[in-house]
Full PDB file with SEQRES, HELIX, SHEET, SSBOND, CRYST1, ORIGX, SCALE, CONECT and MASTER records, all heavy atoms in Angstrom:
SEQRES   1 A   33  ALA ARG HIS SER SER LEU HIS THR THR LEU SER VAL LEU          
SEQRES   2 A   33  GLU GLY LEU THR GLU TYR GLU ASN ASN GLY TYR THR TYR          
SEQRES   3 A   33  LEU LEU SER GLU VAL GLN LYS                                  
HELIX    1 AA1 LEU A    6  ASN A   21  1                                  16    
HELIX    2 AA2 LEU A   28  GLN A   32  1                                   5    
CRYST1    1.000    1.000    1.000  90.00  90.00  90.00 P 1           1          
ORIGX1      1.000000  0.000000  0.000000        0.00000                         
ORIGX2      0.000000  1.000000  0.000000        0.00000                         
ORIGX3      0.000000  0.000000  1.000000        0.00000                         
SCALE1      1.000000  0.000000  0.000000        0.00000                         
SCALE2      0.000000  1.000000  0.000000        0.00000                         
SCALE3      0.000000  0.000000  1.000000        0.00000                         
ATOM      1  N   ALA A   1      -5.475  -5.217  11.003  1.00  0.00           N  
ATOM      2  CA  ALA A   1      -4.113  -5.167  11.538  1.00  0.00           C  
ATOM      3  C   ALA A   1      -3.136  -5.230  10.377  1.00  0.00           C  
ATOM      4  O   ALA A   1      -3.409  -5.855   9.357  1.00  0.00           O  
ATOM      5  CB  ALA A   1      -3.867  -6.324  12.498  1.00  0.00           C  
ATOM      6  N   ARG A   2      -1.992  -4.578  10.537  1.00  0.00           N  
ATOM      7  CA  ARG A   2      -0.947  -4.578   9.511  1.00  0.00           C  
ATOM      8  C   ARG A   2       0.260  -5.418   9.909  1.00  0.00           C  
ATOM      9  O   ARG A   2       1.087  -5.739   9.053  1.00  0.00           O  
ATOM     10  CB  ARG A   2      -0.488  -3.137   9.236  1.00  0.00           C  
ATOM     11  CG  ARG A   2      -1.580  -2.248   8.649  1.00  0.00           C  
ATOM     12  CD  ARG A   2      -1.026  -0.863   8.367  1.00  0.00           C  
ATOM     13  NE  ARG A   2      -2.031   0.016   7.772  1.00  0.00           N  
ATOM     14  CZ  ARG A   2      -1.816   1.284   7.437  1.00  0.00           C  
ATOM     15  NH1 ARG A   2      -0.600   1.814   7.640  1.00  0.00           N  
ATOM     16  NH2 ARG A   2      -2.777   2.008   6.900  1.00  0.00           N  
ATOM     17  N   HIS A   3       0.366  -5.749  11.179  1.00  0.00           N  
ATOM     18  CA  HIS A   3       1.557  -6.416  11.690  1.00  0.00           C  
ATOM     19  C   HIS A   3       1.109  -7.458  12.697  1.00  0.00           C  
ATOM     20  O   HIS A   3       0.183  -7.220  13.479  1.00  0.00           O  
ATOM     21  CB  HIS A   3       2.476  -5.383  12.360  1.00  0.00           C  
ATOM     22  CG  HIS A   3       3.851  -5.897  12.684  1.00  0.00           C  
ATOM     23  ND1 HIS A   3       4.153  -6.551  13.853  1.00  0.00           N  
ATOM     24  CD2 HIS A   3       5.019  -5.833  11.983  1.00  0.00           C  
ATOM     25  CE1 HIS A   3       5.445  -6.869  13.876  1.00  0.00           C  
ATOM     26  NE2 HIS A   3       5.991  -6.447  12.750  1.00  0.00           N  
ATOM     27  N   SER A   4       1.747  -8.608  12.694  1.00  0.00           N  
ATOM     28  CA  SER A   4       1.376  -9.655  13.640  1.00  0.00           C  
ATOM     29  C   SER A   4       1.705  -9.248  15.067  1.00  0.00           C  
ATOM     30  O   SER A   4       2.540  -8.376  15.323  1.00  0.00           O  
ATOM     31  CB  SER A   4       2.098 -10.955  13.292  1.00  0.00           C  
ATOM     32  OG  SER A   4       1.604 -11.504  12.103  1.00  0.00           O  
ATOM     33  N   SER A   5       1.037  -9.901  16.000  1.00  0.00           N  
ATOM     34  CA  SER A   5       1.200  -9.660  17.434  1.00  0.00           C  
ATOM     35  C   SER A   5       1.931 -10.835  18.061  1.00  0.00           C  
ATOM     36  O   SER A   5       1.602 -11.995  17.798  1.00  0.00           O  
ATOM     37  CB  SER A   5      -0.185  -9.500  18.074  1.00  0.00           C  
ATOM     38  OG  SER A   5      -0.160  -9.800  19.455  1.00  0.00           O  
ATOM     39  N   LEU A   6       2.908 -10.556  18.924  1.00  0.00           N  
ATOM     40  CA  LEU A   6       3.579 -11.633  19.638  1.00  0.00           C  
ATOM     41  C   LEU A   6       2.611 -12.349  20.584  1.00  0.00           C  
ATOM     42  O   LEU A   6       2.692 -13.563  20.755  1.00  0.00           O  
ATOM     43  CB  LEU A   6       4.781 -11.093  20.409  1.00  0.00           C  
ATOM     44  CG  LEU A   6       5.999 -10.727  19.544  1.00  0.00           C  
ATOM     45  CD1 LEU A   6       7.016  -9.928  20.354  1.00  0.00           C  
ATOM     46  CD2 LEU A   6       6.658 -11.968  18.956  1.00  0.00           C  
ATOM     47  N   HIS A   7       1.688 -11.588  21.197  1.00  0.00           N  
ATOM     48  CA  HIS A   7       0.678 -12.207  22.059  1.00  0.00           C  
ATOM     49  C   HIS A   7      -0.085 -13.299  21.292  1.00  0.00           C  
ATOM     50  O   HIS A   7      -0.142 -14.458  21.705  1.00  0.00           O  
ATOM     51  CB  HIS A   7      -0.333 -11.165  22.538  1.00  0.00           C  
ATOM     52  CG  HIS A   7       0.206 -10.069  23.371  1.00  0.00           C  
ATOM     53  ND1 HIS A   7       0.720 -10.268  24.633  1.00  0.00           N  
ATOM     54  CD2 HIS A   7       0.284  -8.730  23.132  1.00  0.00           C  
ATOM     55  CE1 HIS A   7       1.093  -9.097  25.144  1.00  0.00           C  
ATOM     56  NE2 HIS A   7       0.845  -8.157  24.252  1.00  0.00           N  
ATOM     57  N   THR A   8      -0.689 -12.891  20.174  1.00  0.00           N  
ATOM     58  CA  THR A   8      -1.532 -13.813  19.411  1.00  0.00           C  
ATOM     59  C   THR A   8      -0.702 -14.922  18.789  1.00  0.00           C  
ATOM     60  O   THR A   8      -1.110 -16.087  18.798  1.00  0.00           O  
ATOM     61  CB  THR A   8      -2.292 -13.054  18.307  1.00  0.00           C  
ATOM     62  OG1 THR A   8      -2.966 -11.927  18.872  1.00  0.00           O  
ATOM     63  CG2 THR A   8      -3.314 -13.956  17.632  1.00  0.00           C  
ATOM     64  N   THR A   9       0.440 -14.574  18.253  1.00  0.00           N  
ATOM     65  CA  THR A   9       1.264 -15.568  17.569  1.00  0.00           C  
ATOM     66  C   THR A   9       1.659 -16.703  18.508  1.00  0.00           C  
ATOM     67  O   THR A   9       1.604 -17.878  18.133  1.00  0.00           O  
ATOM     68  CB  THR A   9       2.513 -14.908  16.963  1.00  0.00           C  
ATOM     69  OG1 THR A   9       2.097 -13.906  16.015  1.00  0.00           O  
ATOM     70  CG2 THR A   9       3.395 -15.926  16.254  1.00  0.00           C  
ATOM     71  N   LEU A  10       2.035 -16.383  19.747  1.00  0.00           N  
ATOM     72  CA  LEU A  10       2.418 -17.438  20.685  1.00  0.00           C  
ATOM     73  C   LEU A  10       1.223 -18.321  21.041  1.00  0.00           C  
ATOM     74  O   LEU A  10       1.345 -19.548  21.074  1.00  0.00           O  
ATOM     75  CB  LEU A  10       3.030 -16.835  21.949  1.00  0.00           C  
ATOM     76  CG  LEU A  10       3.492 -17.858  22.994  1.00  0.00           C  
ATOM     77  CD1 LEU A  10       4.508 -18.834  22.414  1.00  0.00           C  
ATOM     78  CD2 LEU A  10       4.069 -17.151  24.224  1.00  0.00           C  
ATOM     79  N   SER A  11       0.059 -17.722  21.285  1.00  0.00           N  
ATOM     80  CA  SER A  11      -1.122 -18.520  21.623  1.00  0.00           C  
ATOM     81  C   SER A  11      -1.493 -19.455  20.481  1.00  0.00           C  
ATOM     82  O   SER A  11      -1.821 -20.631  20.704  1.00  0.00           O  
ATOM     83  CB  SER A  11      -2.305 -17.606  21.961  1.00  0.00           C  
ATOM     84  OG  SER A  11      -2.101 -16.947  23.192  1.00  0.00           O  
ATOM     85  N   VAL A  12      -1.437 -18.950  19.251  1.00  0.00           N  
ATOM     86  CA  VAL A  12      -1.774 -19.784  18.097  1.00  0.00           C  
ATOM     87  C   VAL A  12      -0.705 -20.865  17.899  1.00  0.00           C  
ATOM     88  O   VAL A  12      -1.030 -22.028  17.605  1.00  0.00           O  
ATOM     89  CB  VAL A  12      -1.954 -18.924  16.833  1.00  0.00           C  
ATOM     90  CG1 VAL A  12      -2.092 -19.804  15.593  1.00  0.00           C  
ATOM     91  CG2 VAL A  12      -3.178 -18.022  16.982  1.00  0.00           C  
ATOM     92  N   LEU A  13       0.557 -20.503  18.064  1.00  0.00           N  
ATOM     93  CA  LEU A  13       1.644 -21.490  17.938  1.00  0.00           C  
ATOM     94  C   LEU A  13       1.459 -22.650  18.907  1.00  0.00           C  
ATOM     95  O   LEU A  13       1.621 -23.822  18.535  1.00  0.00           O  
ATOM     96  CB  LEU A  13       2.989 -20.817  18.212  1.00  0.00           C  
ATOM     97  CG  LEU A  13       3.878 -20.471  17.028  1.00  0.00           C  
ATOM     98  CD1 LEU A  13       5.135 -19.764  17.512  1.00  0.00           C  
ATOM     99  CD2 LEU A  13       4.235 -21.689  16.199  1.00  0.00           C  
ATOM    100  N   GLU A  14       1.136 -22.333  20.145  1.00  0.00           N  
ATOM    101  CA  GLU A  14       0.931 -23.392  21.135  1.00  0.00           C  
ATOM    102  C   GLU A  14      -0.203 -24.315  20.707  1.00  0.00           C  
ATOM    103  O   GLU A  14      -0.108 -25.539  20.853  1.00  0.00           O  
ATOM    104  CB  GLU A  14       0.637 -22.769  22.500  1.00  0.00           C  
ATOM    105  CG  GLU A  14       1.855 -22.100  23.123  1.00  0.00           C  
ATOM    106  CD  GLU A  14       1.537 -21.295  24.372  1.00  0.00           C  
ATOM    107  OE1 GLU A  14       0.365 -20.895  24.541  1.00  0.00           O  
ATOM    108  OE2 GLU A  14       2.458 -21.048  25.162  1.00  0.00           O  
ATOM    109  N   GLY A  15      -1.278 -23.730  20.163  1.00  0.00           N  
ATOM    110  CA  GLY A  15      -2.396 -24.545  19.719  1.00  0.00           C  
ATOM    111  C   GLY A  15      -2.070 -25.399  18.517  1.00  0.00           C  
ATOM    112  O   GLY A  15      -2.376 -26.600  18.487  1.00  0.00           O  
ATOM    113  N   LEU A  16      -1.448 -24.813  17.509  1.00  0.00           N  
ATOM    114  CA  LEU A  16      -1.110 -25.567  16.302  1.00  0.00           C  
ATOM    115  C   LEU A  16      -0.106 -26.675  16.600  1.00  0.00           C  
ATOM    116  O   LEU A  16      -0.208 -27.782  16.047  1.00  0.00           O  
ATOM    117  CB  LEU A  16      -0.548 -24.623  15.236  1.00  0.00           C  
ATOM    118  CG  LEU A  16      -1.511 -23.590  14.650  1.00  0.00           C  
ATOM    119  CD1 LEU A  16      -0.777 -22.678  13.671  1.00  0.00           C  
ATOM    120  CD2 LEU A  16      -2.712 -24.239  13.969  1.00  0.00           C  
ATOM    121  N   THR A  17       0.858 -26.402  17.470  1.00  0.00           N  
ATOM    122  CA  THR A  17       1.862 -27.409  17.803  1.00  0.00           C  
ATOM    123  C   THR A  17       1.245 -28.552  18.602  1.00  0.00           C  
ATOM    124  O   THR A  17       1.575 -29.723  18.375  1.00  0.00           O  
ATOM    125  CB  THR A  17       3.023 -26.768  18.569  1.00  0.00           C  
ATOM    126  OG1 THR A  17       3.612 -25.741  17.753  1.00  0.00           O  
ATOM    127  CG2 THR A  17       4.097 -27.786  18.927  1.00  0.00           C  
ATOM    128  N   GLU A  18       0.342 -28.243  19.527  1.00  0.00           N  
ATOM    129  CA  GLU A  18      -0.343 -29.295  20.278  1.00  0.00           C  
ATOM    130  C   GLU A  18      -1.196 -30.150  19.339  1.00  0.00           C  
ATOM    131  O   GLU A  18      -1.263 -31.376  19.483  1.00  0.00           O  
ATOM    132  CB  GLU A  18      -1.215 -28.684  21.376  1.00  0.00           C  
ATOM    133  CG  GLU A  18      -1.721 -29.677  22.405  1.00  0.00           C  
ATOM    134  CD  GLU A  18      -0.618 -30.301  23.245  1.00  0.00           C  
ATOM    135  OE1 GLU A  18       0.417 -29.652  23.481  1.00  0.00           O  
ATOM    136  OE2 GLU A  18      -0.815 -31.462  23.684  1.00  0.00           O  
ATOM    137  N   TYR A  19      -1.822 -29.508  18.379  1.00  0.00           N  
ATOM    138  CA  TYR A  19      -2.612 -30.210  17.362  1.00  0.00           C  
ATOM    139  C   TYR A  19      -1.726 -31.189  16.590  1.00  0.00           C  
ATOM    140  O   TYR A  19      -2.054 -32.369  16.441  1.00  0.00           O  
ATOM    141  CB  TYR A  19      -3.222 -29.158  16.428  1.00  0.00           C  
ATOM    142  CG  TYR A  19      -3.994 -29.674  15.243  1.00  0.00           C  
ATOM    143  CD1 TYR A  19      -5.344 -29.984  15.343  1.00  0.00           C  
ATOM    144  CD2 TYR A  19      -3.376 -29.801  13.997  1.00  0.00           C  
ATOM    145  CE1 TYR A  19      -6.073 -30.427  14.232  1.00  0.00           C  
ATOM    146  CE2 TYR A  19      -4.083 -30.247  12.892  1.00  0.00           C  
ATOM    147  CZ  TYR A  19      -5.434 -30.560  13.013  1.00  0.00           C  
ATOM    148  OH  TYR A  19      -6.134 -30.997  11.906  1.00  0.00           O  
ATOM    149  N   GLU A  20      -0.572 -30.723  16.136  1.00  0.00           N  
ATOM    150  CA  GLU A  20       0.351 -31.591  15.407  1.00  0.00           C  
ATOM    151  C   GLU A  20       0.870 -32.720  16.303  1.00  0.00           C  
ATOM    152  O   GLU A  20       0.907 -33.891  15.886  1.00  0.00           O  
ATOM    153  CB  GLU A  20       1.527 -30.781  14.878  1.00  0.00           C  
ATOM    154  CG  GLU A  20       2.560 -31.625  14.133  1.00  0.00           C  
ATOM    155  CD  GLU A  20       3.804 -30.853  13.737  1.00  0.00           C  
ATOM    156  OE1 GLU A  20       4.083 -29.804  14.349  1.00  0.00           O  
ATOM    157  OE2 GLU A  20       4.512 -31.312  12.824  1.00  0.00           O  
ATOM    158  N   ASN A  21       1.230 -32.394  17.524  1.00  0.00           N  
ATOM    159  CA  ASN A  21       1.826 -33.384  18.420  1.00  0.00           C  
ATOM    160  C   ASN A  21       0.864 -34.505  18.793  1.00  0.00           C  
ATOM    161  O   ASN A  21       1.301 -35.603  19.168  1.00  0.00           O  
ATOM    162  CB  ASN A  21       2.342 -32.716  19.693  1.00  0.00           C  
ATOM    163  CG  ASN A  21       3.597 -31.891  19.459  1.00  0.00           C  
ATOM    164  OD1 ASN A  21       4.234 -32.003  18.412  1.00  0.00           O  
ATOM    165  ND2 ASN A  21       3.943 -31.061  20.420  1.00  0.00           N  
ATOM    166  N   ASN A  22      -0.429 -34.240  18.707  1.00  0.00           N  
ATOM    167  CA  ASN A  22      -1.417 -35.249  19.083  1.00  0.00           C  
ATOM    168  C   ASN A  22      -1.928 -36.064  17.898  1.00  0.00           C  
ATOM    169  O   ASN A  22      -2.909 -36.790  18.027  1.00  0.00           O  
ATOM    170  CB  ASN A  22      -2.575 -34.597  19.839  1.00  0.00           C  
ATOM    171  CG  ASN A  22      -2.226 -34.362  21.301  1.00  0.00           C  
ATOM    172  OD1 ASN A  22      -2.295 -35.268  22.118  1.00  0.00           O  
ATOM    173  ND2 ASN A  22      -1.819 -33.139  21.618  1.00  0.00           N  
ATOM    174  N   GLY A  23      -1.235 -35.941  16.762  1.00  0.00           N  
ATOM    175  CA  GLY A  23      -1.495 -36.846  15.652  1.00  0.00           C  
ATOM    176  C   GLY A  23      -2.639 -36.483  14.734  1.00  0.00           C  
ATOM    177  O   GLY A  23      -3.054 -37.297  13.904  1.00  0.00           O  
ATOM    178  N   TYR A  24      -3.167 -35.272  14.833  1.00  0.00           N  
ATOM    179  CA  TYR A  24      -4.217 -34.854  13.914  1.00  0.00           C  
ATOM    180  C   TYR A  24      -3.625 -34.649  12.515  1.00  0.00           C  
ATOM    181  O   TYR A  24      -2.473 -34.213  12.373  1.00  0.00           O  
ATOM    182  CB  TYR A  24      -4.875 -33.567  14.404  1.00  0.00           C  
ATOM    183  CG  TYR A  24      -5.597 -33.715  15.729  1.00  0.00           C  
ATOM    184  CD1 TYR A  24      -5.020 -33.269  16.916  1.00  0.00           C  
ATOM    185  CD2 TYR A  24      -6.866 -34.294  15.793  1.00  0.00           C  
ATOM    186  CE1 TYR A  24      -5.680 -33.405  18.130  1.00  0.00           C  
ATOM    187  CE2 TYR A  24      -7.533 -34.430  17.008  1.00  0.00           C  
ATOM    188  CZ  TYR A  24      -6.936 -33.980  18.168  1.00  0.00           C  
ATOM    189  OH  TYR A  24      -7.590 -34.117  19.373  1.00  0.00           O  
ATOM    190  N   THR A  25      -4.410 -34.939  11.501  1.00  0.00           N  
ATOM    191  CA  THR A  25      -3.883 -34.891  10.133  1.00  0.00           C  
ATOM    192  C   THR A  25      -4.586 -33.889   9.234  1.00  0.00           C  
ATOM    193  O   THR A  25      -4.070 -33.571   8.152  1.00  0.00           O  
ATOM    194  CB  THR A  25      -3.981 -36.280   9.477  1.00  0.00           C  
ATOM    195  OG1 THR A  25      -5.359 -36.703   9.452  1.00  0.00           O  
ATOM    196  CG2 THR A  25      -3.152 -37.305  10.243  1.00  0.00           C  
ATOM    197  N   TYR A  26      -5.731 -33.370   9.626  1.00  0.00           N  
ATOM    198  CA  TYR A  26      -6.470 -32.437   8.779  1.00  0.00           C  
ATOM    199  C   TYR A  26      -5.636 -31.189   8.507  1.00  0.00           C  
ATOM    200  O   TYR A  26      -5.175 -30.515   9.440  1.00  0.00           O  
ATOM    201  CB  TYR A  26      -7.793 -32.057   9.444  1.00  0.00           C  
ATOM    202  CG  TYR A  26      -8.594 -31.026   8.684  1.00  0.00           C  
ATOM    203  CD1 TYR A  26      -9.185 -31.342   7.455  1.00  0.00           C  
ATOM    204  CD2 TYR A  26      -8.748 -29.737   9.179  1.00  0.00           C  
ATOM    205  CE1 TYR A  26      -9.910 -30.397   6.749  1.00  0.00           C  
ATOM    206  CE2 TYR A  26      -9.476 -28.786   8.494  1.00  0.00           C  
ATOM    207  CZ  TYR A  26     -10.052 -29.118   7.271  1.00  0.00           C  
ATOM    208  OH  TYR A  26     -10.767 -28.174   6.575  1.00  0.00           O  
ATOM    209  N   LEU A  27      -5.393 -30.893   7.236  1.00  0.00           N  
ATOM    210  CA  LEU A  27      -4.604 -29.731   6.796  1.00  0.00           C  
ATOM    211  C   LEU A  27      -3.245 -29.660   7.495  1.00  0.00           C  
ATOM    212  O   LEU A  27      -2.720 -28.571   7.755  1.00  0.00           O  
ATOM    213  CB  LEU A  27      -5.376 -28.427   7.029  1.00  0.00           C  
ATOM    214  CG  LEU A  27      -6.646 -28.216   6.196  1.00  0.00           C  
ATOM    215  CD1 LEU A  27      -7.274 -26.859   6.505  1.00  0.00           C  
ATOM    216  CD2 LEU A  27      -6.357 -28.317   4.700  1.00  0.00           C  
ATOM    217  N   LEU A  28      -2.659 -30.818   7.752  1.00  0.00           N  
ATOM    218  CA  LEU A  28      -1.428 -30.847   8.535  1.00  0.00           C  
ATOM    219  C   LEU A  28      -0.289 -30.100   7.861  1.00  0.00           C  
ATOM    220  O   LEU A  28       0.481 -29.400   8.528  1.00  0.00           O  
ATOM    221  CB  LEU A  28      -1.014 -32.292   8.819  1.00  0.00           C  
ATOM    222  CG  LEU A  28       0.241 -32.466   9.692  1.00  0.00           C  
ATOM    223  CD1 LEU A  28       0.078 -31.777  11.041  1.00  0.00           C  
ATOM    224  CD2 LEU A  28       0.554 -33.945   9.885  1.00  0.00           C  
ATOM    225  N   SER A  29      -0.153 -30.226   6.553  1.00  0.00           N  
ATOM    226  CA  SER A  29       0.963 -29.529   5.893  1.00  0.00           C  
ATOM    227  C   SER A  29       0.810 -28.019   6.010  1.00  0.00           C  
ATOM    228  O   SER A  29       1.806 -27.307   6.224  1.00  0.00           O  
ATOM    229  CB  SER A  29       1.053 -29.947   4.420  1.00  0.00           C  
ATOM    230  OG  SER A  29      -0.123 -29.587   3.710  1.00  0.00           O  
ATOM    231  N   GLU A  30      -0.434 -27.518   5.911  1.00  0.00           N  
ATOM    232  CA  GLU A  30      -0.666 -26.080   6.081  1.00  0.00           C  
ATOM    233  C   GLU A  30      -0.403 -25.648   7.515  1.00  0.00           C  
ATOM    234  O   GLU A  30       0.142 -24.572   7.772  1.00  0.00           O  
ATOM    235  CB  GLU A  30      -2.095 -25.717   5.669  1.00  0.00           C  
ATOM    236  CG  GLU A  30      -2.352 -25.763   4.168  1.00  0.00           C  
ATOM    237  CD  GLU A  30      -2.707 -27.162   3.680  1.00  0.00           C  
ATOM    238  OE1 GLU A  30      -2.555 -28.139   4.462  1.00  0.00           O  
ATOM    239  OE2 GLU A  30      -3.133 -27.276   2.514  1.00  0.00           O  
ATOM    240  N   VAL A  31      -0.798 -26.493   8.459  1.00  0.00           N  
ATOM    241  CA  VAL A  31      -0.534 -26.217   9.868  1.00  0.00           C  
ATOM    242  C   VAL A  31       0.975 -26.141  10.117  1.00  0.00           C  
ATOM    243  O   VAL A  31       1.459 -25.229  10.784  1.00  0.00           O  
ATOM    244  CB  VAL A  31      -1.181 -27.303  10.761  1.00  0.00           C  
ATOM    245  CG1 VAL A  31      -0.630 -27.243  12.190  1.00  0.00           C  
ATOM    246  CG2 VAL A  31      -2.695 -27.148  10.769  1.00  0.00           C  
ATOM    247  N   GLN A  32       1.720 -27.071   9.573  1.00  0.00           N  
ATOM    248  CA  GLN A  32       3.166 -27.080   9.758  1.00  0.00           C  
ATOM    249  C   GLN A  32       3.822 -25.849   9.151  1.00  0.00           C  
ATOM    250  O   GLN A  32       4.768 -25.292   9.732  1.00  0.00           O  
ATOM    251  CB  GLN A  32       3.756 -28.360   9.172  1.00  0.00           C  
ATOM    252  CG  GLN A  32       3.374 -29.611   9.951  1.00  0.00           C  
ATOM    253  CD  GLN A  32       3.721 -30.898   9.234  1.00  0.00           C  
ATOM    254  OE1 GLN A  32       3.792 -30.950   7.997  1.00  0.00           O  
ATOM    255  NE2 GLN A  32       3.943 -31.969   9.996  1.00  0.00           N  
ATOM    256  N   LYS A  33       3.336 -25.402   8.008  1.00  0.00           N  
ATOM    257  CA  LYS A  33       3.863 -24.175   7.401  1.00  0.00           C  
ATOM    258  C   LYS A  33       3.602 -22.971   8.293  1.00  0.00           C  
ATOM    259  O   LYS A  33       4.468 -22.103   8.474  1.00  0.00           O  
ATOM    260  CB  LYS A  33       3.237 -23.964   6.025  1.00  0.00           C  
ATOM    261  CG  LYS A  33       3.699 -24.943   4.962  1.00  0.00           C  
ATOM    262  CD  LYS A  33       2.962 -24.697   3.652  1.00  0.00           C  
ATOM    263  CE  LYS A  33       3.355 -25.729   2.589  1.00  0.00           C  
ATOM    264  NZ  LYS A  33       2.572 -25.550   1.327  1.00  0.00           N  
TER     265      LYS A  33                                                      
MASTER        0    0    0    2    0    0    0    6  264    1    0    3          
END                                                                             
């Protein structure tokens, strides 16, 4: 792929944000970026 997808980006965003919100710390700074 050459360009990101809104479909995939939203699904991944929801997952990464839930991960952060539940206090996980592994690679947290990279996740936040």
